[in-house]
């Protein structure tokens, strides 16, 4: 069972619809029993870092997510804010993150806003730093994804970075730490590229 974790933020319906379109059934849920029964988890997110952590805490979802991800080693995919919440902290707020990955989120450089609009909205090509990840199966050097963000992840362990992109400056577009994966872009808005990535996550990751 694929569970898209509902903590009050994110394009939940769009992700579910994309999964259904490519042949996979998923449920949107904040029910701890359903999360405990999932064999794949997706943590989406659109919004602020602190609000995301507050919502997870208010719904008492952090203990069950820690159990499923850190103890049971259930594969999880974080999307946009969801990926950022995997880290230790963010320049966007003051609350600690989930701390599953040694990373932090930083603001796209405000000094060059007049040249590069923030938030960053649009398609960008990605470059591969790893080629052995099952998440990247079927992609080539012409791969691109749709981004919508004002903050980006900076991963301290460069071995856990699998994709990079550039807007204003290079940034980490996707990370993987074992069964924990995160993407800064939106696969549900990335057409065939997003379909391939979600297929890889569900069927082979």
N, C-alpha and C. Protein backbone atom coordinates (compact mmCIF):
# COMPACT_ATOMS: atom_id res chain seq x y z
N UNK A 1 0.84 -1.19 0.00
CA UNK A 1 0.00 0.00 0.00
C UNK A 1 0.87 1.25 0.00
N UNK A 2 0.60 2.16 -0.91
CA UNK A 2 1.29 3.45 -0.97
C UNK A 2 0.47 4.47 -0.22
N UNK A 3 1.08 5.13 0.75
CA UNK A 3 0.39 6.17 1.51
C UNK A 3 1.05 7.51 1.24
N UNK A 4 0.26 8.46 0.76
CA UNK A 4 0.68 9.85 0.64
C UNK A 4 0.30 10.53 1.95
N UNK A 5 1.29 10.95 2.71
CA UNK A 5 1.06 11.44 4.06
C UNK A 5 0.40 12.82 4.01
N UNK A 6 -0.76 12.90 4.64
CA UNK A 6 -1.52 14.15 4.69
C UNK A 6 -1.22 14.86 6.01
N UNK A 7 -0.47 15.96 5.92
CA UNK A 7 -0.23 16.78 7.11
C UNK A 7 -0.66 18.22 6.86
N UNK A 8 -1.58 18.36 5.90
CA UNK A 8 -2.20 19.66 5.67
C UNK A 8 -1.50 20.56 4.69
N UNK A 9 -0.43 20.06 4.04
CA UNK A 9 0.32 20.86 3.07
C UNK A 9 0.67 20.00 1.86
N UNK A 10 0.49 20.54 0.67
CA UNK A 10 0.97 19.82 -0.50
C UNK A 10 -0.09 19.50 -1.52
N UNK A 11 0.39 19.14 -2.71
CA UNK A 11 -0.49 18.78 -3.81
C UNK A 11 -0.84 17.29 -3.72
N UNK A 12 -1.59 16.93 -2.71
CA UNK A 12 -1.85 15.52 -2.45
C UNK A 12 -2.63 14.88 -3.59
N UNK A 13 -3.71 15.54 -4.01
CA UNK A 13 -4.55 14.99 -5.05
C UNK A 13 -3.82 14.85 -6.36
N UNK A 14 -2.95 15.80 -6.69
CA UNK A 14 -2.20 15.74 -7.94
C UNK A 14 -1.25 14.55 -7.96
N UNK A 15 -0.63 14.27 -6.83
CA UNK A 15 0.28 13.13 -6.75
C UNK A 15 -0.50 11.82 -6.87
N UNK A 16 -1.61 11.73 -6.17
CA UNK A 16 -2.45 10.52 -6.26
C UNK A 16 -2.94 10.31 -7.69
N UNK A 17 -3.38 11.38 -8.34
CA UNK A 17 -3.87 11.26 -9.71
C UNK A 17 -2.77 10.82 -10.67
N UNK A 18 -1.56 11.35 -10.48
CA UNK A 18 -0.45 10.94 -11.34
C UNK A 18 -0.13 9.47 -11.14
N UNK A 19 -0.12 9.02 -9.89
CA UNK A 19 0.14 7.61 -9.62
C UNK A 19 -0.94 6.74 -10.24
N UNK A 20 -2.18 7.15 -10.12
CA UNK A 20 -3.28 6.38 -10.71
C UNK A 20 -3.15 6.33 -12.23
N UNK A 21 -2.73 7.44 -12.83
CA UNK A 21 -2.59 7.51 -14.28
C UNK A 21 -1.55 6.52 -14.79
N UNK A 22 -0.49 6.29 -14.01
CA UNK A 22 0.56 5.36 -14.44
C UNK A 22 0.35 3.95 -13.87
N UNK A 23 -0.81 3.73 -13.24
CA UNK A 23 -1.18 2.37 -12.87
C UNK A 23 -0.97 1.96 -11.44
N UNK A 24 -0.79 2.91 -10.52
CA UNK A 24 -0.56 2.57 -9.13
C UNK A 24 -1.63 3.20 -8.24
N UNK A 25 -2.15 2.44 -7.33
CA UNK A 25 -3.15 2.94 -6.39
C UNK A 25 -2.47 3.45 -5.13
N UNK A 26 -2.91 4.58 -4.66
CA UNK A 26 -2.38 5.16 -3.43
C UNK A 26 -3.53 5.76 -2.63
N UNK A 27 -3.31 5.92 -1.35
CA UNK A 27 -4.29 6.58 -0.52
C UNK A 27 -3.65 7.81 0.12
N UNK A 28 -4.46 8.81 0.36
CA UNK A 28 -4.04 10.01 1.08
C UNK A 28 -4.51 9.85 2.51
N UNK A 29 -3.60 9.92 3.47
CA UNK A 29 -4.02 9.62 4.83
C UNK A 29 -3.12 10.27 5.87
N UNK A 30 -3.72 10.61 7.00
CA UNK A 30 -2.97 11.01 8.19
C UNK A 30 -3.23 10.01 9.32
N UNK A 31 -3.88 8.89 8.96
CA UNK A 31 -4.20 7.86 9.94
C UNK A 31 -2.94 7.06 10.27
N UNK A 32 -2.60 7.00 11.53
CA UNK A 32 -1.36 6.34 11.94
C UNK A 32 -1.38 4.84 11.64
N UNK A 33 -2.54 4.20 11.72
CA UNK A 33 -2.61 2.78 11.41
C UNK A 33 -2.34 2.52 9.93
N UNK A 34 -2.88 3.38 9.08
CA UNK A 34 -2.63 3.22 7.64
C UNK A 34 -1.17 3.50 7.30
N UNK A 35 -0.58 4.50 7.93
CA UNK A 35 0.84 4.77 7.72
C UNK A 35 1.66 3.57 8.19
N UNK A 36 1.25 2.95 9.27
CA UNK A 36 1.96 1.79 9.81
C UNK A 36 1.84 0.57 8.92
N UNK A 37 0.85 0.56 8.04
CA UNK A 37 0.66 -0.57 7.14
C UNK A 37 1.25 -0.34 5.75
N UNK A 38 1.75 0.83 5.49
CA UNK A 38 2.24 1.17 4.16
C UNK A 38 3.54 0.45 3.85
N UNK A 39 3.71 0.08 2.57
CA UNK A 39 5.01 -0.43 2.14
C UNK A 39 5.80 0.61 1.35
N UNK A 40 5.16 1.74 1.01
CA UNK A 40 5.84 2.89 0.43
C UNK A 40 5.16 4.14 0.98
N UNK A 41 5.96 5.17 1.28
CA UNK A 41 5.44 6.43 1.80
C UNK A 41 5.89 7.58 0.91
N UNK A 42 5.01 8.55 0.74
CA UNK A 42 5.35 9.78 0.04
C UNK A 42 5.01 10.95 0.95
N UNK A 43 6.00 11.82 1.18
CA UNK A 43 5.79 13.01 2.00
C UNK A 43 5.90 14.22 1.08
N UNK A 44 4.76 14.76 0.65
CA UNK A 44 4.79 15.92 -0.24
C UNK A 44 4.93 17.20 0.58
N UNK A 45 4.70 18.34 -0.05
CA UNK A 45 4.72 19.57 0.73
C UNK A 45 4.85 20.81 -0.12
N UNK A 46 3.99 21.77 0.15
CA UNK A 46 4.08 23.11 -0.42
C UNK A 46 3.79 24.07 0.72
N UNK A 47 4.73 24.94 1.03
CA UNK A 47 4.53 25.86 2.15
C UNK A 47 5.81 26.07 2.91
N UNK A 48 5.69 26.53 4.15
CA UNK A 48 6.87 26.90 4.94
C UNK A 48 7.35 25.74 5.79
N UNK A 49 8.64 25.76 6.09
CA UNK A 49 9.29 24.70 6.86
C UNK A 49 8.68 24.57 8.26
N UNK A 50 8.60 25.68 8.99
CA UNK A 50 8.06 25.62 10.35
C UNK A 50 6.61 25.15 10.37
N UNK A 51 5.81 25.60 9.40
CA UNK A 51 4.42 25.16 9.35
C UNK A 51 4.35 23.66 9.10
N UNK A 52 5.22 23.17 8.24
CA UNK A 52 5.25 21.74 7.99
C UNK A 52 5.57 20.94 9.24
N UNK A 53 6.58 21.36 9.98
CA UNK A 53 6.94 20.64 11.21
C UNK A 53 5.85 20.78 12.26
N UNK A 54 5.23 21.95 12.36
CA UNK A 54 4.14 22.12 13.33
C UNK A 54 2.97 21.21 12.98
N UNK A 55 2.64 21.11 11.70
CA UNK A 55 1.52 20.26 11.29
C UNK A 55 1.81 18.80 11.58
N UNK A 56 3.02 18.35 11.30
CA UNK A 56 3.38 16.97 11.61
C UNK A 56 3.27 16.70 13.10
N UNK A 57 3.73 17.66 13.91
CA UNK A 57 3.68 17.51 15.36
C UNK A 57 2.26 17.53 15.89
N UNK A 58 1.45 18.46 15.38
CA UNK A 58 0.07 18.56 15.85
C UNK A 58 -0.74 17.32 15.52
N UNK A 59 -0.44 16.69 14.41
CA UNK A 59 -1.15 15.46 14.02
C UNK A 59 -0.51 14.21 14.62
N UNK A 60 0.53 14.42 15.44
CA UNK A 60 1.24 13.33 16.13
C UNK A 60 1.77 12.29 15.14
N UNK A 61 2.28 12.79 14.02
CA UNK A 61 2.76 11.89 12.98
C UNK A 61 4.26 11.62 13.05
N UNK A 62 5.01 12.43 13.79
CA UNK A 62 6.46 12.25 13.81
C UNK A 62 6.87 10.91 14.40
N UNK A 63 6.29 10.45 15.53
CA UNK A 63 6.70 9.14 16.05
C UNK A 63 6.45 7.99 15.08
N UNK A 64 5.29 7.97 14.43
CA UNK A 64 5.01 6.86 13.52
C UNK A 64 5.89 6.94 12.28
N UNK A 65 6.18 8.14 11.80
CA UNK A 65 7.08 8.28 10.66
C UNK A 65 8.50 7.85 11.03
N UNK A 66 8.96 8.24 12.21
CA UNK A 66 10.28 7.79 12.67
C UNK A 66 10.35 6.27 12.75
N UNK A 67 9.31 5.66 13.26
CA UNK A 67 9.27 4.20 13.37
C UNK A 67 9.33 3.55 12.00
N UNK A 68 8.49 4.03 11.09
CA UNK A 68 8.41 3.41 9.77
C UNK A 68 9.69 3.62 8.97
N UNK A 69 10.25 4.83 9.05
CA UNK A 69 11.41 5.14 8.21
C UNK A 69 12.72 4.70 8.85
N UNK A 70 12.92 5.01 10.12
CA UNK A 70 14.21 4.75 10.76
C UNK A 70 14.34 3.33 11.29
N UNK A 71 13.24 2.73 11.71
CA UNK A 71 13.29 1.39 12.31
C UNK A 71 12.87 0.32 11.30
N UNK A 72 11.71 0.53 10.67
CA UNK A 72 11.19 -0.47 9.72
C UNK A 72 11.79 -0.34 8.33
N UNK A 73 12.49 0.77 8.07
CA UNK A 73 13.17 1.01 6.79
C UNK A 73 12.22 0.95 5.60
N UNK A 74 11.04 1.52 5.76
CA UNK A 74 10.08 1.63 4.66
C UNK A 74 10.56 2.73 3.71
N UNK A 75 10.60 2.47 2.42
CA UNK A 75 11.02 3.50 1.46
C UNK A 75 10.09 4.72 1.51
N UNK A 76 10.69 5.89 1.47
CA UNK A 76 9.93 7.13 1.49
C UNK A 76 10.49 8.10 0.45
N UNK A 77 9.59 8.83 -0.19
CA UNK A 77 9.96 9.86 -1.15
C UNK A 77 9.45 11.19 -0.65
N UNK A 78 10.34 12.13 -0.41
CA UNK A 78 9.96 13.49 -0.04
C UNK A 78 9.94 14.37 -1.28
N UNK A 79 8.90 15.18 -1.42
CA UNK A 79 8.75 16.04 -2.58
C UNK A 79 8.73 17.50 -2.13
N UNK A 80 9.63 18.30 -2.68
CA UNK A 80 9.73 19.74 -2.41
C UNK A 80 9.87 20.00 -0.90
N UNK A 81 8.90 20.60 -0.24
CA UNK A 81 9.00 20.82 1.19
C UNK A 81 9.20 19.51 1.94
N UNK A 82 8.57 18.45 1.48
CA UNK A 82 8.75 17.15 2.12
C UNK A 82 10.20 16.75 2.18
N UNK A 83 10.93 16.97 1.09
CA UNK A 83 12.37 16.69 1.08
C UNK A 83 13.11 17.58 2.07
N UNK A 84 12.73 18.86 2.14
CA UNK A 84 13.41 19.78 3.04
C UNK A 84 13.21 19.38 4.51
N UNK A 85 12.03 18.85 4.83
CA UNK A 85 11.75 18.44 6.20
C UNK A 85 12.60 17.26 6.65
N UNK A 86 13.19 16.53 5.71
CA UNK A 86 14.09 15.42 6.07
C UNK A 86 15.33 15.92 6.80
N UNK A 87 15.66 17.19 6.64
CA UNK A 87 16.92 17.72 7.15
C UNK A 87 16.87 18.19 8.59
N UNK A 88 17.96 18.83 8.99
CA UNK A 88 18.12 19.26 10.37
C UNK A 88 17.43 20.60 10.65
N UNK A 89 17.49 21.51 9.67
CA UNK A 89 16.93 22.84 9.90
C UNK A 89 16.78 23.56 8.57
N UNK A 90 16.18 24.75 8.64
CA UNK A 90 16.01 25.57 7.45
C UNK A 90 16.20 27.04 7.80
N UNK A 91 16.76 27.79 6.88
CA UNK A 91 16.84 29.24 7.06
C UNK A 91 15.46 29.88 7.05
N UNK A 92 14.45 29.12 6.64
CA UNK A 92 13.09 29.66 6.57
C UNK A 92 12.43 29.75 7.94
N UNK A 93 12.94 29.00 8.91
CA UNK A 93 12.29 28.98 10.21
C UNK A 93 13.26 28.68 11.33
N UNK A 94 12.70 28.36 12.49
CA UNK A 94 13.52 28.12 13.68
C UNK A 94 13.36 26.70 14.22
N UNK A 95 12.36 25.98 13.77
CA UNK A 95 12.11 24.65 14.31
C UNK A 95 13.08 23.62 13.72
N UNK A 96 13.43 22.60 14.51
CA UNK A 96 14.27 21.53 13.95
C UNK A 96 13.46 20.66 13.00
N UNK A 97 14.15 20.11 12.01
CA UNK A 97 13.50 19.20 11.08
C UNK A 97 13.51 17.77 11.61
N UNK A 98 13.19 16.83 10.75
CA UNK A 98 13.14 15.42 11.14
C UNK A 98 14.53 14.84 11.38
N UNK A 99 15.54 15.45 10.79
CA UNK A 99 16.95 15.05 10.98
C UNK A 99 17.23 13.62 10.51
N UNK A 100 16.56 13.19 9.47
CA UNK A 100 16.85 11.88 8.88
C UNK A 100 18.07 11.95 7.98
N UNK A 101 18.32 13.13 7.41
CA UNK A 101 19.44 13.32 6.49
C UNK A 101 20.23 14.54 6.96
N UNK A 102 21.55 14.46 6.82
CA UNK A 102 22.42 15.57 7.25
C UNK A 102 22.40 16.66 6.18
N UNK A 103 21.39 17.48 6.24
CA UNK A 103 21.20 18.55 5.26
C UNK A 103 20.47 19.70 5.94
N UNK A 104 20.52 20.85 5.29
CA UNK A 104 19.74 21.99 5.74
C UNK A 104 19.23 22.72 4.51
N UNK A 105 18.18 23.50 4.71
CA UNK A 105 17.58 24.24 3.61
C UNK A 105 17.99 25.70 3.68
N UNK A 106 18.34 26.24 2.52
CA UNK A 106 18.82 27.61 2.44
C UNK A 106 17.99 28.40 1.44
N UNK A 107 17.97 29.69 1.61
CA UNK A 107 17.19 30.56 0.73
C UNK A 107 17.96 30.84 -0.56
N UNK A 108 17.26 30.79 -1.67
CA UNK A 108 17.88 31.23 -2.92
C UNK A 108 18.36 32.67 -2.77
N UNK A 109 19.57 32.94 -3.19
CA UNK A 109 20.28 34.18 -2.90
C UNK A 109 19.45 35.44 -3.19
N UNK A 110 19.04 36.19 -2.18
CA UNK A 110 18.20 37.37 -2.42
C UNK A 110 18.95 38.50 -3.10
N UNK A 111 20.28 38.47 -3.11
CA UNK A 111 21.06 39.54 -3.72
C UNK A 111 20.87 39.61 -5.23
N UNK A 112 20.41 38.52 -5.83
CA UNK A 112 20.26 38.52 -7.29
C UNK A 112 18.80 38.35 -7.69
N UNK A 113 17.88 38.68 -6.80
CA UNK A 113 16.46 38.56 -7.14
C UNK A 113 16.08 39.39 -8.37
N UNK A 114 16.72 40.53 -8.51
CA UNK A 114 16.34 41.41 -9.63
C UNK A 114 16.70 40.78 -10.98
N UNK A 115 17.64 39.82 -10.96
CA UNK A 115 18.03 39.13 -12.18
C UNK A 115 17.34 37.79 -12.32
N UNK A 116 17.12 37.12 -11.19
CA UNK A 116 16.49 35.82 -11.18
C UNK A 116 15.30 35.86 -10.23
N UNK A 117 14.08 35.79 -10.73
CA UNK A 117 12.91 35.86 -9.85
C UNK A 117 12.89 34.73 -8.83
N UNK A 118 12.48 35.05 -7.64
CA UNK A 118 12.26 34.08 -6.57
C UNK A 118 10.82 34.24 -6.11
N UNK A 119 10.03 33.17 -6.05
CA UNK A 119 10.44 31.77 -6.19
C UNK A 119 10.85 31.37 -7.61
N UNK A 120 11.62 30.32 -7.64
CA UNK A 120 12.05 29.72 -8.90
C UNK A 120 10.90 28.86 -9.42
N UNK A 121 10.36 29.23 -10.56
CA UNK A 121 9.25 28.50 -11.16
C UNK A 121 9.63 28.11 -12.58
N UNK A 122 9.61 26.83 -12.89
CA UNK A 122 9.85 26.43 -14.26
C UNK A 122 10.66 25.16 -14.39
N UNK A 123 10.94 24.82 -15.63
CA UNK A 123 11.67 23.60 -15.97
C UNK A 123 13.17 23.85 -15.93
N UNK A 124 13.90 22.87 -15.41
CA UNK A 124 15.36 22.91 -15.42
C UNK A 124 15.90 21.53 -15.73
N UNK A 125 16.97 21.49 -16.53
CA UNK A 125 17.68 20.24 -16.73
C UNK A 125 18.44 19.88 -15.46
N UNK A 126 18.61 18.59 -15.23
CA UNK A 126 19.34 18.12 -14.06
C UNK A 126 20.60 17.41 -14.53
N UNK A 127 21.59 17.40 -13.65
CA UNK A 127 22.82 16.66 -13.92
C UNK A 127 22.97 15.56 -12.88
N UNK A 128 23.54 14.45 -13.30
CA UNK A 128 23.63 13.26 -12.47
C UNK A 128 24.96 13.25 -11.71
N UNK A 129 24.87 13.03 -10.40
CA UNK A 129 26.07 12.82 -9.61
C UNK A 129 26.22 11.35 -9.25
N UNK A 130 25.14 10.58 -9.40
CA UNK A 130 25.15 9.14 -9.20
C UNK A 130 24.39 8.49 -10.35
N UNK A 131 24.79 7.32 -10.74
CA UNK A 131 24.09 6.63 -11.83
C UNK A 131 23.51 5.29 -11.40
N UNK A 132 23.82 4.86 -10.19
CA UNK A 132 23.39 3.52 -9.77
C UNK A 132 22.07 3.52 -9.01
N UNK A 133 21.48 4.67 -8.76
CA UNK A 133 20.23 4.72 -8.00
C UNK A 133 19.07 4.18 -8.83
N UNK A 134 18.27 3.31 -8.24
CA UNK A 134 17.08 2.81 -8.92
C UNK A 134 16.08 3.92 -9.21
N UNK A 135 16.17 5.01 -8.46
CA UNK A 135 15.26 6.13 -8.67
C UNK A 135 15.51 6.80 -10.02
N UNK A 136 16.72 6.63 -10.57
CA UNK A 136 17.10 7.32 -11.81
C UNK A 136 17.05 6.40 -13.03
N UNK A 137 16.53 5.23 -12.88
CA UNK A 137 16.49 4.27 -13.99
C UNK A 137 15.71 4.85 -15.17
N UNK A 138 16.31 4.75 -16.37
CA UNK A 138 15.62 5.17 -17.58
C UNK A 138 15.83 6.62 -17.96
N UNK A 139 16.59 7.38 -17.18
CA UNK A 139 16.83 8.78 -17.49
C UNK A 139 18.15 8.95 -18.23
N UNK A 140 18.25 10.06 -18.98
CA UNK A 140 19.49 10.38 -19.68
C UNK A 140 19.87 11.83 -19.41
N UNK A 141 20.89 12.31 -20.10
CA UNK A 141 21.42 13.64 -19.82
C UNK A 141 20.49 14.76 -20.24
N UNK A 142 19.41 14.44 -20.94
CA UNK A 142 18.44 15.45 -21.35
C UNK A 142 17.24 15.52 -20.40
N UNK A 143 17.37 14.95 -19.23
CA UNK A 143 16.27 14.90 -18.27
C UNK A 143 16.03 16.27 -17.63
N UNK A 144 14.77 16.63 -17.51
CA UNK A 144 14.42 17.89 -16.87
C UNK A 144 13.16 17.71 -16.03
N UNK A 145 13.01 18.58 -15.04
CA UNK A 145 11.87 18.52 -14.14
C UNK A 145 11.34 19.93 -13.87
N UNK A 146 10.12 19.97 -13.34
CA UNK A 146 9.48 21.26 -13.03
C UNK A 146 9.72 21.61 -11.57
N UNK A 147 10.24 22.81 -11.33
CA UNK A 147 10.56 23.29 -9.99
C UNK A 147 9.63 24.44 -9.59
N UNK A 148 9.35 24.53 -8.29
CA UNK A 148 8.60 25.66 -7.72
C UNK A 148 9.05 25.80 -6.27
N UNK A 149 10.05 26.66 -6.04
CA UNK A 149 10.61 26.75 -4.69
C UNK A 149 11.37 28.06 -4.49
N UNK A 150 11.47 28.46 -3.22
CA UNK A 150 12.27 29.61 -2.82
C UNK A 150 13.47 29.19 -1.97
N UNK A 151 13.43 27.98 -1.47
CA UNK A 151 14.51 27.42 -0.66
C UNK A 151 15.01 26.15 -1.31
N UNK A 152 16.24 25.80 -1.01
CA UNK A 152 16.84 24.61 -1.62
C UNK A 152 17.60 23.83 -0.55
N UNK A 153 17.78 22.57 -0.80
CA UNK A 153 18.49 21.70 0.14
C UNK A 153 19.98 21.73 -0.16
N UNK A 154 20.77 21.82 0.88
CA UNK A 154 22.22 21.66 0.80
C UNK A 154 22.60 20.46 1.66
N UNK A 155 22.98 19.39 0.99
CA UNK A 155 23.28 18.13 1.69
C UNK A 155 24.76 18.10 2.07
N UNK A 156 25.06 17.85 3.32
CA UNK A 156 26.44 17.88 3.80
C UNK A 156 27.23 16.66 3.37
N UNK A 157 26.57 15.53 3.17
CA UNK A 157 27.24 14.33 2.66
C UNK A 157 27.01 14.28 1.16
N UNK A 158 28.02 14.66 0.38
CA UNK A 158 27.86 14.74 -1.06
C UNK A 158 27.60 13.38 -1.69
N UNK A 159 27.90 12.30 -0.98
CA UNK A 159 27.61 10.96 -1.49
C UNK A 159 26.12 10.69 -1.54
N UNK A 160 25.33 11.49 -0.83
CA UNK A 160 23.88 11.30 -0.80
C UNK A 160 23.15 12.17 -1.83
N UNK A 161 23.88 12.94 -2.59
CA UNK A 161 23.29 13.76 -3.65
C UNK A 161 23.29 12.96 -4.95
N UNK A 162 22.12 12.80 -5.58
CA UNK A 162 22.05 12.02 -6.81
C UNK A 162 21.73 12.87 -8.03
N UNK A 163 21.15 14.06 -7.83
CA UNK A 163 20.89 14.98 -8.93
C UNK A 163 21.19 16.41 -8.48
N UNK A 164 21.73 17.19 -9.39
CA UNK A 164 21.91 18.61 -9.15
C UNK A 164 21.22 19.40 -10.26
N UNK A 165 20.86 20.64 -9.94
CA UNK A 165 20.31 21.55 -10.93
C UNK A 165 20.92 22.92 -10.68
N UNK A 166 20.60 23.87 -11.53
CA UNK A 166 21.16 25.21 -11.35
C UNK A 166 20.10 26.27 -11.61
N UNK A 167 19.97 27.17 -10.65
CA UNK A 167 19.17 28.38 -10.81
C UNK A 167 19.77 29.40 -9.85
N UNK A 168 20.31 30.44 -10.35
CA UNK A 168 21.14 31.39 -9.61
C UNK A 168 22.50 30.77 -9.32
N UNK A 169 22.49 29.56 -8.77
CA UNK A 169 23.70 28.80 -8.46
C UNK A 169 23.33 27.33 -8.44
N UNK A 170 24.30 26.43 -8.46
CA UNK A 170 23.98 25.00 -8.37
C UNK A 170 23.32 24.67 -7.03
N UNK A 171 22.40 23.72 -7.07
CA UNK A 171 21.77 23.26 -5.83
C UNK A 171 21.43 21.78 -5.97
N UNK A 172 21.16 21.14 -4.84
CA UNK A 172 20.85 19.71 -4.83
C UNK A 172 19.39 19.51 -5.24
N UNK A 173 19.20 18.79 -6.34
CA UNK A 173 17.85 18.57 -6.86
C UNK A 173 17.24 17.27 -6.37
N UNK A 174 18.07 16.30 -5.98
CA UNK A 174 17.56 15.04 -5.46
C UNK A 174 18.62 14.40 -4.59
N UNK A 175 18.16 13.77 -3.51
CA UNK A 175 19.09 13.09 -2.59
C UNK A 175 18.58 11.68 -2.34
N UNK A 176 19.50 10.82 -1.95
CA UNK A 176 19.12 9.48 -1.53
C UNK A 176 20.05 9.00 -0.43
N UNK A 177 19.46 8.56 0.65
CA UNK A 177 20.19 7.94 1.74
C UNK A 177 19.54 6.59 1.99
N UNK A 178 20.07 5.57 1.32
CA UNK A 178 19.46 4.25 1.43
C UNK A 178 18.04 4.25 0.89
N UNK A 179 17.08 3.95 1.76
CA UNK A 179 15.66 3.88 1.36
C UNK A 179 14.95 5.23 1.49
N UNK A 180 15.70 6.28 1.85
CA UNK A 180 15.15 7.63 1.98
C UNK A 180 15.56 8.44 0.75
N UNK A 181 14.57 8.93 0.01
CA UNK A 181 14.86 9.73 -1.18
C UNK A 181 14.05 11.02 -1.14
N UNK A 182 14.62 12.07 -1.70
CA UNK A 182 13.92 13.33 -1.75
C UNK A 182 14.21 14.06 -3.05
N UNK A 183 13.22 14.78 -3.55
CA UNK A 183 13.39 15.57 -4.77
C UNK A 183 12.88 16.98 -4.53
N UNK A 184 13.63 17.97 -5.00
CA UNK A 184 13.22 19.36 -4.84
C UNK A 184 12.13 19.74 -5.85
N UNK A 185 12.12 19.06 -6.98
CA UNK A 185 11.15 19.35 -8.04
C UNK A 185 9.83 18.64 -7.76
N UNK A 186 8.87 18.88 -8.65
CA UNK A 186 7.55 18.29 -8.52
C UNK A 186 7.34 17.24 -9.61
N UNK A 187 7.48 15.97 -9.30
CA UNK A 187 7.26 14.94 -10.33
C UNK A 187 5.83 14.93 -10.85
N UNK A 188 4.87 15.33 -10.01
CA UNK A 188 3.47 15.34 -10.43
C UNK A 188 3.19 16.42 -11.46
N UNK A 189 4.15 17.35 -11.67
CA UNK A 189 4.01 18.40 -12.67
C UNK A 189 5.03 18.26 -13.80
N UNK A 190 5.75 17.16 -13.79
CA UNK A 190 6.89 17.00 -14.71
C UNK A 190 6.63 16.03 -15.85
N UNK A 191 5.36 15.79 -16.14
CA UNK A 191 4.97 15.01 -17.32
C UNK A 191 5.69 13.65 -17.36
N UNK A 192 6.24 13.29 -18.51
CA UNK A 192 6.83 11.96 -18.68
C UNK A 192 8.00 11.71 -17.73
N UNK A 193 8.76 12.76 -17.45
CA UNK A 193 9.90 12.60 -16.54
C UNK A 193 9.41 12.28 -15.13
N UNK A 194 8.36 12.96 -14.71
CA UNK A 194 7.79 12.69 -13.39
C UNK A 194 7.16 11.32 -13.32
N UNK A 195 6.49 10.91 -14.39
CA UNK A 195 5.90 9.57 -14.43
C UNK A 195 6.97 8.50 -14.26
N UNK A 196 8.10 8.69 -14.96
CA UNK A 196 9.18 7.71 -14.87
C UNK A 196 9.75 7.65 -13.46
N UNK A 197 9.94 8.81 -12.85
CA UNK A 197 10.51 8.82 -11.50
C UNK A 197 9.58 8.16 -10.50
N UNK A 198 8.28 8.46 -10.57
CA UNK A 198 7.33 7.84 -9.65
C UNK A 198 7.23 6.34 -9.90
N UNK A 199 7.28 5.94 -11.15
CA UNK A 199 7.29 4.50 -11.47
C UNK A 199 8.49 3.83 -10.86
N UNK A 200 9.66 4.46 -10.98
CA UNK A 200 10.87 3.90 -10.39
C UNK A 200 10.74 3.75 -8.89
N UNK A 201 10.18 4.78 -8.24
CA UNK A 201 10.05 4.73 -6.79
C UNK A 201 9.12 3.62 -6.34
N UNK A 202 7.99 3.50 -7.02
CA UNK A 202 6.99 2.52 -6.58
C UNK A 202 7.40 1.10 -6.94
N UNK A 203 7.95 0.90 -8.12
CA UNK A 203 8.16 -0.47 -8.59
C UNK A 203 9.56 -1.02 -8.36
N UNK A 204 10.55 -0.14 -8.19
CA UNK A 204 11.89 -0.68 -8.10
C UNK A 204 12.75 -0.15 -6.99
N UNK A 205 12.29 0.85 -6.28
CA UNK A 205 13.14 1.49 -5.26
C UNK A 205 13.12 0.72 -3.95
